[in-house]
Amino acid sequence: MTSTAPVRWLDATEQRAWWALLEVGSGLFDLLTAELKEAAGLTLDDYEVLHLLSQQPDRRMRVGELADTMLSSRTRLSQRLDRLTDRGWIERVRCPEDGRAINVVLTRAGYQFLVELAPRHLAHVRRHVFDHLDTSDVEALGRSLGKLAEHLHDIRRTSGA
């Protein structure tokens, strides 16, 4: 894989931002997952599934739509869904509009669990993220990460992943 294009090295500012993004991304994920595991025995990815389903009017999404929203492979998502199904927090049901598709549905027990866990989780998010930023920082972070997230979604849409 040889390229004839010149290397576009990162300048010092870009390097600091890049390494900070990697450090914060993995560090926050690990920290919040550890706190969720201690509180409820689930990962941040598991929590994200429950949260995303809770935001839907009928608390359901197609598996593919859920995977796309989470930027997750279907295989990885399937393993996560197995764990959540085993705990009674979600169900997989055939999509009535398309018999080949599967919907993931947040159960009443799953919704109640999320309602009880959310305040504790959000206190951790606030303590580890938002308590360290002022309003302009939060706005800039939202804009910047939103651009990166959109780029990742665009790649996913065009690659058919």
N, C-alpha and C. Protein backbone atom coordinates (compact mmCIF):
# COMPACT_ATOMS: atom_id res chain seq x y z
N MET A 1 0.84 -1.17 0.00
CA MET A 1 0.00 0.00 0.00
C MET A 1 0.89 1.24 0.00
N THR A 2 1.42 1.56 -1.12
CA THR A 2 2.32 2.69 -1.26
C THR A 2 1.56 3.86 -1.87
N SER A 3 1.76 5.04 -1.29
CA SER A 3 1.11 6.24 -1.78
C SER A 3 2.18 7.21 -2.27
N THR A 4 1.88 7.89 -3.36
CA THR A 4 2.82 8.88 -3.87
C THR A 4 2.50 10.27 -3.33
N ALA A 5 1.37 10.40 -2.63
CA ALA A 5 0.99 11.69 -2.07
C ALA A 5 1.93 12.03 -0.91
N PRO A 6 2.29 13.30 -0.79
CA PRO A 6 3.16 13.68 0.34
C PRO A 6 2.42 13.48 1.67
N VAL A 7 3.19 13.15 2.69
CA VAL A 7 2.62 12.95 4.01
C VAL A 7 2.21 14.31 4.58
N ARG A 8 1.01 14.38 5.07
CA ARG A 8 0.53 15.61 5.73
C ARG A 8 0.69 15.43 7.23
N TRP A 9 1.90 15.69 7.74
CA TRP A 9 2.19 15.52 9.16
C TRP A 9 1.33 16.45 9.99
N LEU A 10 1.05 16.02 11.21
CA LEU A 10 0.29 16.86 12.13
C LEU A 10 1.21 17.91 12.73
N ASP A 11 0.71 19.14 12.81
CA ASP A 11 1.51 20.16 13.49
C ASP A 11 1.32 19.97 15.00
N ALA A 12 2.00 20.76 15.79
CA ALA A 12 2.00 20.58 17.24
C ALA A 12 0.59 20.70 17.83
N THR A 13 -0.18 21.66 17.34
CA THR A 13 -1.55 21.84 17.84
C THR A 13 -2.42 20.65 17.49
N GLU A 14 -2.29 20.16 16.26
CA GLU A 14 -3.06 18.99 15.84
C GLU A 14 -2.66 17.74 16.62
N GLN A 15 -1.36 17.59 16.87
CA GLN A 15 -0.89 16.44 17.65
C GLN A 15 -1.47 16.46 19.06
N ARG A 16 -1.45 17.62 19.72
CA ARG A 16 -2.02 17.72 21.07
C ARG A 16 -3.50 17.37 21.05
N ALA A 17 -4.22 17.89 20.07
CA ALA A 17 -5.66 17.60 19.98
C ALA A 17 -5.91 16.13 19.70
N TRP A 18 -5.14 15.54 18.79
CA TRP A 18 -5.32 14.13 18.43
C TRP A 18 -5.09 13.22 19.64
N TRP A 19 -3.96 13.42 20.32
CA TRP A 19 -3.65 12.55 21.45
C TRP A 19 -4.61 12.78 22.61
N ALA A 20 -5.06 14.00 22.80
CA ALA A 20 -6.06 14.27 23.83
C ALA A 20 -7.38 13.57 23.50
N LEU A 21 -7.76 13.60 22.21
CA LEU A 21 -8.99 12.92 21.80
C LEU A 21 -8.90 11.43 22.07
N LEU A 22 -7.77 10.81 21.72
CA LEU A 22 -7.60 9.37 21.98
C LEU A 22 -7.64 9.07 23.49
N GLU A 23 -6.92 9.87 24.24
CA GLU A 23 -6.83 9.65 25.69
C GLU A 23 -8.19 9.81 26.35
N VAL A 24 -8.88 10.89 26.02
CA VAL A 24 -10.18 11.15 26.61
C VAL A 24 -11.20 10.11 26.14
N GLY A 25 -11.17 9.79 24.86
CA GLY A 25 -12.14 8.82 24.34
C GLY A 25 -12.03 7.49 25.05
N SER A 26 -10.86 6.92 25.10
CA SER A 26 -10.71 5.61 25.74
C SER A 26 -10.81 5.73 27.26
N GLY A 27 -10.28 6.79 27.82
CA GLY A 27 -10.34 6.96 29.28
C GLY A 27 -11.76 7.13 29.79
N LEU A 28 -12.53 7.98 29.13
CA LEU A 28 -13.92 8.18 29.56
C LEU A 28 -14.74 6.91 29.37
N PHE A 29 -14.55 6.24 28.23
CA PHE A 29 -15.29 5.01 27.97
C PHE A 29 -15.00 3.98 29.07
N ASP A 30 -13.72 3.80 29.39
CA ASP A 30 -13.34 2.83 30.41
C ASP A 30 -13.89 3.22 31.78
N LEU A 31 -13.77 4.49 32.14
CA LEU A 31 -14.22 4.96 33.45
C LEU A 31 -15.74 4.83 33.59
N LEU A 32 -16.48 5.30 32.59
CA LEU A 32 -17.94 5.22 32.66
C LEU A 32 -18.43 3.79 32.61
N THR A 33 -17.75 2.94 31.84
CA THR A 33 -18.11 1.52 31.82
C THR A 33 -17.87 0.89 33.18
N ALA A 34 -16.73 1.19 33.81
CA ALA A 34 -16.44 0.64 35.13
C ALA A 34 -17.51 1.07 36.14
N GLU A 35 -17.92 2.32 36.08
CA GLU A 35 -18.95 2.80 37.00
C GLU A 35 -20.30 2.15 36.73
N LEU A 36 -20.64 1.96 35.46
CA LEU A 36 -21.90 1.28 35.12
C LEU A 36 -21.85 -0.20 35.52
N LYS A 37 -20.69 -0.83 35.33
CA LYS A 37 -20.56 -2.24 35.74
C LYS A 37 -20.74 -2.38 37.25
N GLU A 38 -20.14 -1.47 37.99
CA GLU A 38 -20.27 -1.52 39.44
C GLU A 38 -21.73 -1.26 39.87
N ALA A 39 -22.36 -0.30 39.24
CA ALA A 39 -23.72 0.07 39.62
C ALA A 39 -24.76 -0.93 39.15
N ALA A 40 -24.55 -1.49 37.93
CA ALA A 40 -25.64 -2.26 37.33
C ALA A 40 -25.19 -3.46 36.50
N GLY A 41 -23.89 -3.70 36.41
CA GLY A 41 -23.42 -4.85 35.67
C GLY A 41 -23.57 -4.74 34.17
N LEU A 42 -23.49 -3.52 33.62
CA LEU A 42 -23.54 -3.37 32.18
C LEU A 42 -22.50 -2.39 31.70
N THR A 43 -22.26 -2.39 30.39
CA THR A 43 -21.25 -1.52 29.79
C THR A 43 -21.89 -0.23 29.29
N LEU A 44 -21.04 0.71 28.94
CA LEU A 44 -21.54 1.95 28.35
C LEU A 44 -22.26 1.67 27.03
N ASP A 45 -21.77 0.71 26.25
CA ASP A 45 -22.45 0.33 25.01
C ASP A 45 -23.85 -0.24 25.31
N ASP A 46 -23.96 -1.06 26.36
CA ASP A 46 -25.27 -1.60 26.75
C ASP A 46 -26.21 -0.46 27.12
N TYR A 47 -25.70 0.48 27.89
CA TYR A 47 -26.50 1.63 28.30
C TYR A 47 -26.97 2.42 27.07
N GLU A 48 -26.07 2.57 26.10
CA GLU A 48 -26.41 3.32 24.89
C GLU A 48 -27.58 2.66 24.16
N VAL A 49 -27.59 1.33 24.08
CA VAL A 49 -28.70 0.63 23.43
C VAL A 49 -30.01 0.96 24.15
N LEU A 50 -30.02 0.82 25.46
CA LEU A 50 -31.24 1.10 26.23
C LEU A 50 -31.68 2.55 26.05
N HIS A 51 -30.71 3.47 26.11
CA HIS A 51 -31.03 4.88 25.95
C HIS A 51 -31.61 5.17 24.57
N LEU A 52 -30.96 4.67 23.52
CA LEU A 52 -31.46 4.94 22.17
C LEU A 52 -32.87 4.40 21.98
N LEU A 53 -33.13 3.20 22.47
CA LEU A 53 -34.49 2.64 22.37
C LEU A 53 -35.49 3.48 23.15
N SER A 54 -35.09 3.97 24.31
CA SER A 54 -36.01 4.76 25.14
C SER A 54 -36.40 6.07 24.48
N GLN A 55 -35.59 6.55 23.53
CA GLN A 55 -35.85 7.81 22.85
C GLN A 55 -36.81 7.67 21.68
N GLN A 56 -37.12 6.44 21.29
CA GLN A 56 -38.03 6.20 20.17
C GLN A 56 -39.47 6.25 20.67
N PRO A 57 -40.38 6.80 19.86
CA PRO A 57 -41.78 6.90 20.30
C PRO A 57 -42.38 5.56 20.74
N ASP A 58 -42.03 4.49 20.06
CA ASP A 58 -42.57 3.17 20.41
C ASP A 58 -41.51 2.28 21.07
N ARG A 59 -40.39 2.89 21.45
CA ARG A 59 -39.27 2.20 22.12
C ARG A 59 -38.76 1.01 21.32
N ARG A 60 -38.68 1.17 20.00
CA ARG A 60 -38.19 0.09 19.14
C ARG A 60 -37.42 0.67 17.97
N MET A 61 -36.44 -0.12 17.51
CA MET A 61 -35.67 0.22 16.31
C MET A 61 -35.32 -1.07 15.60
N ARG A 62 -35.14 -0.98 14.30
CA ARG A 62 -34.62 -2.12 13.56
C ARG A 62 -33.16 -2.33 13.95
N VAL A 63 -32.74 -3.57 13.92
CA VAL A 63 -31.36 -3.90 14.29
C VAL A 63 -30.37 -3.09 13.44
N GLY A 64 -30.60 -3.03 12.14
CA GLY A 64 -29.69 -2.30 11.26
C GLY A 64 -29.63 -0.82 11.57
N GLU A 65 -30.77 -0.23 11.86
CA GLU A 65 -30.82 1.19 12.21
C GLU A 65 -30.08 1.44 13.52
N LEU A 66 -30.26 0.55 14.48
CA LEU A 66 -29.58 0.67 15.76
C LEU A 66 -28.06 0.56 15.57
N ALA A 67 -27.62 -0.41 14.78
CA ALA A 67 -26.19 -0.58 14.51
C ALA A 67 -25.62 0.66 13.82
N ASP A 68 -26.35 1.21 12.86
CA ASP A 68 -25.89 2.40 12.15
C ASP A 68 -25.79 3.60 13.09
N THR A 69 -26.79 3.77 13.93
CA THR A 69 -26.81 4.89 14.86
C THR A 69 -25.64 4.81 15.83
N MET A 70 -25.32 3.59 16.26
CA MET A 70 -24.24 3.38 17.23
C MET A 70 -22.87 3.24 16.56
N LEU A 71 -22.83 3.25 15.23
CA LEU A 71 -21.59 3.01 14.49
C LEU A 71 -20.97 1.68 14.92
N SER A 72 -21.81 0.67 15.03
CA SER A 72 -21.40 -0.65 15.51
C SER A 72 -21.63 -1.68 14.42
N SER A 73 -20.82 -2.72 14.42
CA SER A 73 -21.07 -3.83 13.50
C SER A 73 -22.28 -4.60 14.02
N ARG A 74 -22.98 -5.25 13.11
CA ARG A 74 -24.14 -6.04 13.53
C ARG A 74 -23.73 -7.21 14.42
N THR A 75 -22.56 -7.78 14.15
CA THR A 75 -22.08 -8.90 14.98
C THR A 75 -21.84 -8.43 16.41
N ARG A 76 -21.14 -7.33 16.54
CA ARG A 76 -20.86 -6.79 17.88
C ARG A 76 -22.15 -6.40 18.58
N LEU A 77 -23.06 -5.78 17.84
CA LEU A 77 -24.34 -5.38 18.41
C LEU A 77 -25.14 -6.62 18.82
N SER A 78 -25.10 -7.66 18.02
CA SER A 78 -25.85 -8.88 18.32
C SER A 78 -25.44 -9.47 19.67
N GLN A 79 -24.15 -9.47 19.94
CA GLN A 79 -23.66 -9.98 21.22
C GLN A 79 -24.19 -9.13 22.38
N ARG A 80 -24.20 -7.84 22.18
CA ARG A 80 -24.72 -6.92 23.20
C ARG A 80 -26.21 -7.16 23.42
N LEU A 81 -26.94 -7.35 22.30
CA LEU A 81 -28.38 -7.58 22.40
C LEU A 81 -28.68 -8.90 23.11
N ASP A 82 -27.83 -9.90 22.91
CA ASP A 82 -28.00 -11.18 23.61
C ASP A 82 -27.96 -10.95 25.12
N ARG A 83 -26.99 -10.17 25.59
CA ARG A 83 -26.86 -9.91 27.03
C ARG A 83 -28.08 -9.16 27.57
N LEU A 84 -28.54 -8.19 26.81
CA LEU A 84 -29.69 -7.39 27.27
C LEU A 84 -30.98 -8.21 27.23
N THR A 85 -31.09 -9.10 26.26
CA THR A 85 -32.25 -10.00 26.18
C THR A 85 -32.26 -10.95 27.37
N ASP A 86 -31.09 -11.50 27.68
CA ASP A 86 -30.98 -12.42 28.81
C ASP A 86 -31.43 -11.77 30.12
N ARG A 87 -31.24 -10.47 30.23
CA ARG A 87 -31.63 -9.77 31.46
C ARG A 87 -33.08 -9.30 31.41
N GLY A 88 -33.75 -9.52 30.28
CA GLY A 88 -35.16 -9.15 30.17
C GLY A 88 -35.40 -7.68 29.87
N TRP A 89 -34.37 -6.97 29.42
CA TRP A 89 -34.50 -5.53 29.19
C TRP A 89 -34.88 -5.18 27.76
N ILE A 90 -34.64 -6.10 26.84
CA ILE A 90 -35.06 -5.90 25.45
C ILE A 90 -35.64 -7.21 24.92
N GLU A 91 -36.35 -7.10 23.81
CA GLU A 91 -36.83 -8.26 23.06
C GLU A 91 -36.53 -8.02 21.60
N ARG A 92 -36.33 -9.10 20.87
CA ARG A 92 -36.21 -9.04 19.42
C ARG A 92 -37.50 -9.59 18.84
N VAL A 93 -38.11 -8.83 17.95
CA VAL A 93 -39.35 -9.26 17.32
C VAL A 93 -39.28 -9.00 15.82
N ARG A 94 -39.97 -9.81 15.05
CA ARG A 94 -40.02 -9.59 13.61
C ARG A 94 -40.68 -8.25 13.31
N CYS A 95 -40.14 -7.58 12.33
CA CYS A 95 -40.69 -6.30 11.89
C CYS A 95 -41.96 -6.57 11.09
N PRO A 96 -43.10 -6.01 11.49
CA PRO A 96 -44.34 -6.28 10.76
C PRO A 96 -44.33 -5.77 9.31
N GLU A 97 -43.57 -4.69 9.05
CA GLU A 97 -43.51 -4.13 7.70
C GLU A 97 -42.58 -4.92 6.79
N ASP A 98 -41.62 -5.62 7.37
CA ASP A 98 -40.64 -6.37 6.60
C ASP A 98 -40.28 -7.61 7.40
N GLY A 99 -40.83 -8.73 7.04
CA GLY A 99 -40.66 -9.97 7.78
C GLY A 99 -39.23 -10.45 7.88
N ARG A 100 -38.33 -9.91 7.04
CA ARG A 100 -36.91 -10.30 7.11
C ARG A 100 -36.18 -9.51 8.18
N ALA A 101 -36.70 -8.36 8.53
CA ALA A 101 -36.02 -7.47 9.48
C ALA A 101 -36.44 -7.80 10.92
N ILE A 102 -35.55 -7.45 11.83
CA ILE A 102 -35.80 -7.66 13.26
C ILE A 102 -35.82 -6.30 13.96
N ASN A 103 -36.83 -6.11 14.77
CA ASN A 103 -36.89 -4.93 15.63
C ASN A 103 -36.36 -5.28 17.01
N VAL A 104 -35.70 -4.34 17.62
CA VAL A 104 -35.28 -4.46 19.01
C VAL A 104 -36.23 -3.57 19.81
N VAL A 105 -36.84 -4.15 20.83
CA VAL A 105 -37.85 -3.44 21.62
C VAL A 105 -37.41 -3.37 23.07
N LEU A 106 -37.45 -2.17 23.63
CA LEU A 106 -37.15 -1.98 25.04
C LEU A 106 -38.37 -2.46 25.84
N THR A 107 -38.15 -3.41 26.73
CA THR A 107 -39.25 -3.94 27.53
C THR A 107 -39.61 -2.96 28.65
N ARG A 108 -40.74 -3.20 29.26
CA ARG A 108 -41.16 -2.38 30.40
C ARG A 108 -40.10 -2.46 31.52
N ALA A 109 -39.59 -3.67 31.75
CA ALA A 109 -38.55 -3.86 32.78
C ALA A 109 -37.28 -3.10 32.39
N GLY A 110 -36.92 -3.14 31.10
CA GLY A 110 -35.75 -2.41 30.64
C GLY A 110 -35.90 -0.92 30.79
N TYR A 111 -37.09 -0.42 30.48
CA TYR A 111 -37.34 1.01 30.62
C TYR A 111 -37.27 1.43 32.09
N GLN A 112 -37.88 0.63 32.95
CA GLN A 112 -37.85 0.93 34.39
C GLN A 112 -36.42 0.90 34.93
N PHE A 113 -35.65 -0.08 34.48
CA PHE A 113 -34.25 -0.17 34.89
C PHE A 113 -33.51 1.09 34.47
N LEU A 114 -33.71 1.52 33.23
CA LEU A 114 -33.04 2.71 32.71
C LEU A 114 -33.44 3.96 33.49
N VAL A 115 -34.72 4.10 33.79
CA VAL A 115 -35.21 5.25 34.56
C VAL A 115 -34.53 5.31 35.93
N GLU A 116 -34.33 4.15 36.54
CA GLU A 116 -33.68 4.11 37.85
C GLU A 116 -32.18 4.36 37.77
N LEU A 117 -31.54 3.89 36.70
CA LEU A 117 -30.09 4.01 36.56
C LEU A 117 -29.65 5.37 36.02
N ALA A 118 -30.46 5.99 35.18
CA ALA A 118 -30.06 7.22 34.48
C ALA A 118 -29.55 8.32 35.40
N PRO A 119 -30.22 8.63 36.50
CA PRO A 119 -29.69 9.73 37.35
C PRO A 119 -28.28 9.47 37.86
N ARG A 120 -27.99 8.24 38.23
CA ARG A 120 -26.66 7.91 38.72
C ARG A 120 -25.62 8.02 37.60
N HIS A 121 -25.96 7.48 36.43
CA HIS A 121 -25.05 7.56 35.29
C HIS A 121 -24.81 9.01 34.89
N LEU A 122 -25.86 9.80 34.83
CA LEU A 122 -25.71 11.20 34.42
C LEU A 122 -24.90 12.00 35.44
N ALA A 123 -24.99 11.63 36.71
CA ALA A 123 -24.15 12.28 37.72
C ALA A 123 -22.67 12.00 37.44
N HIS A 124 -22.37 10.77 37.00
CA HIS A 124 -20.98 10.43 36.64
C HIS A 124 -20.55 11.22 35.40
N VAL A 125 -21.42 11.29 34.40
CA VAL A 125 -21.09 12.05 33.18
C VAL A 125 -20.84 13.51 33.52
N ARG A 126 -21.70 14.06 34.34
CA ARG A 126 -21.52 15.47 34.72
C ARG A 126 -20.20 15.65 35.48
N ARG A 127 -19.91 14.75 36.43
CA ARG A 127 -18.69 14.87 37.24
C ARG A 127 -17.43 14.73 36.40
N HIS A 128 -17.44 13.82 35.41
CA HIS A 128 -16.23 13.55 34.64
C HIS A 128 -16.09 14.42 33.38
N VAL A 129 -17.18 15.04 32.94
CA VAL A 129 -17.11 15.83 31.71
C VAL A 129 -17.54 17.27 31.96
N PHE A 130 -18.81 17.47 32.19
CA PHE A 130 -19.36 18.82 32.13
C PHE A 130 -18.98 19.72 33.30
N ASP A 131 -18.65 19.15 34.43
CA ASP A 131 -18.19 19.98 35.55
C ASP A 131 -16.82 20.61 35.29
N HIS A 132 -16.13 20.16 34.25
CA HIS A 132 -14.79 20.67 33.92
C HIS A 132 -14.80 21.64 32.74
N LEU A 133 -15.98 21.92 32.21
CA LEU A 133 -16.09 22.76 31.02
C LEU A 133 -17.06 23.90 31.27
N ASP A 134 -16.78 25.04 30.63
CA ASP A 134 -17.77 26.11 30.70
C ASP A 134 -18.67 26.02 29.46
N THR A 135 -19.63 26.89 29.38
CA THR A 135 -20.62 26.83 28.31
C THR A 135 -19.98 26.90 26.93
N SER A 136 -19.00 27.77 26.76
CA SER A 136 -18.36 27.88 25.44
C SER A 136 -17.58 26.61 25.10
N ASP A 137 -16.97 25.97 26.11
CA ASP A 137 -16.28 24.70 25.88
C ASP A 137 -17.27 23.63 25.41
N VAL A 138 -18.41 23.56 26.08
CA VAL A 138 -19.42 22.55 25.73
C VAL A 138 -19.94 22.79 24.32
N GLU A 139 -20.18 24.05 23.98
CA GLU A 139 -20.66 24.36 22.63
C GLU A 139 -19.61 23.98 21.58
N ALA A 140 -18.35 24.31 21.83
CA ALA A 140 -17.28 23.98 20.89
C ALA A 140 -17.10 22.47 20.78
N LEU A 141 -17.15 21.78 21.91
CA LEU A 141 -17.04 20.32 21.91
C LEU A 141 -18.17 19.69 21.11
N GLY A 142 -19.37 20.16 21.33
CA GLY A 142 -20.52 19.64 20.60
C GLY A 142 -20.39 19.85 19.10
N ARG A 143 -19.96 21.05 18.70
CA ARG A 143 -19.77 21.33 17.26
C ARG A 143 -18.69 20.43 16.68
N SER A 144 -17.55 20.36 17.36
CA SER A 144 -16.41 19.60 16.84
C SER A 144 -16.71 18.11 16.76
N LEU A 145 -17.19 17.55 17.84
CA LEU A 145 -17.48 16.11 17.84
C LEU A 145 -18.66 15.79 16.92
N GLY A 146 -19.60 16.71 16.79
CA GLY A 146 -20.71 16.52 15.86
C GLY A 146 -20.22 16.40 14.42
N LYS A 147 -19.24 17.21 14.06
CA LYS A 147 -18.66 17.13 12.71
C LYS A 147 -17.98 15.78 12.49
N LEU A 148 -17.24 15.33 13.50
CA LEU A 148 -16.56 14.03 13.37
C LEU A 148 -17.56 12.89 13.31
N ALA A 149 -18.60 12.96 14.12
CA ALA A 149 -19.64 11.92 14.11
C ALA A 149 -20.33 11.88 12.75
N GLU A 150 -20.62 13.03 12.19
CA GLU A 150 -21.27 13.07 10.87
C GLU A 150 -20.36 12.46 9.81
N HIS A 151 -19.08 12.75 9.89
CA HIS A 151 -18.12 12.15 8.96
C HIS A 151 -18.15 10.63 9.06
N LEU A 152 -18.14 10.09 10.29
CA LEU A 152 -18.17 8.64 10.48
C LEU A 152 -19.48 8.04 9.96
N HIS A 153 -20.59 8.74 10.18
CA HIS A 153 -21.88 8.26 9.64
C HIS A 153 -21.86 8.29 8.11
N ASP A 154 -21.27 9.35 7.52
CA ASP A 154 -21.17 9.41 6.06
C ASP A 154 -20.37 8.24 5.49
N ILE A 155 -19.26 7.93 6.13
CA ILE A 155 -18.44 6.79 5.69
C ILE A 155 -19.26 5.52 5.77
N ARG A 156 -19.96 5.34 6.86
CA ARG A 156 -20.78 4.14 7.05
C ARG A 156 -21.85 4.03 5.96
N ARG A 157 -22.50 5.16 5.66
CA ARG A 157 -23.55 5.16 4.62
C ARG A 157 -22.98 4.81 3.25
N THR A 158 -21.81 5.37 2.92
CA THR A 158 -21.25 5.14 1.59
C THR A 158 -20.58 3.79 1.45
N SER A 159 -20.12 3.22 2.58
CA SER A 159 -19.43 1.92 2.50
C SER A 159 -20.40 0.77 2.64
N GLY A 160 -21.62 1.06 3.12
CA GLY A 160 -22.59 0.00 3.31
C GLY A 160 -22.26 -0.91 4.46
N ALA A 161 -21.41 -0.44 5.39
CA ALA A 161 -21.00 -1.26 6.54
C ALA A 161 -22.16 -1.51 7.47
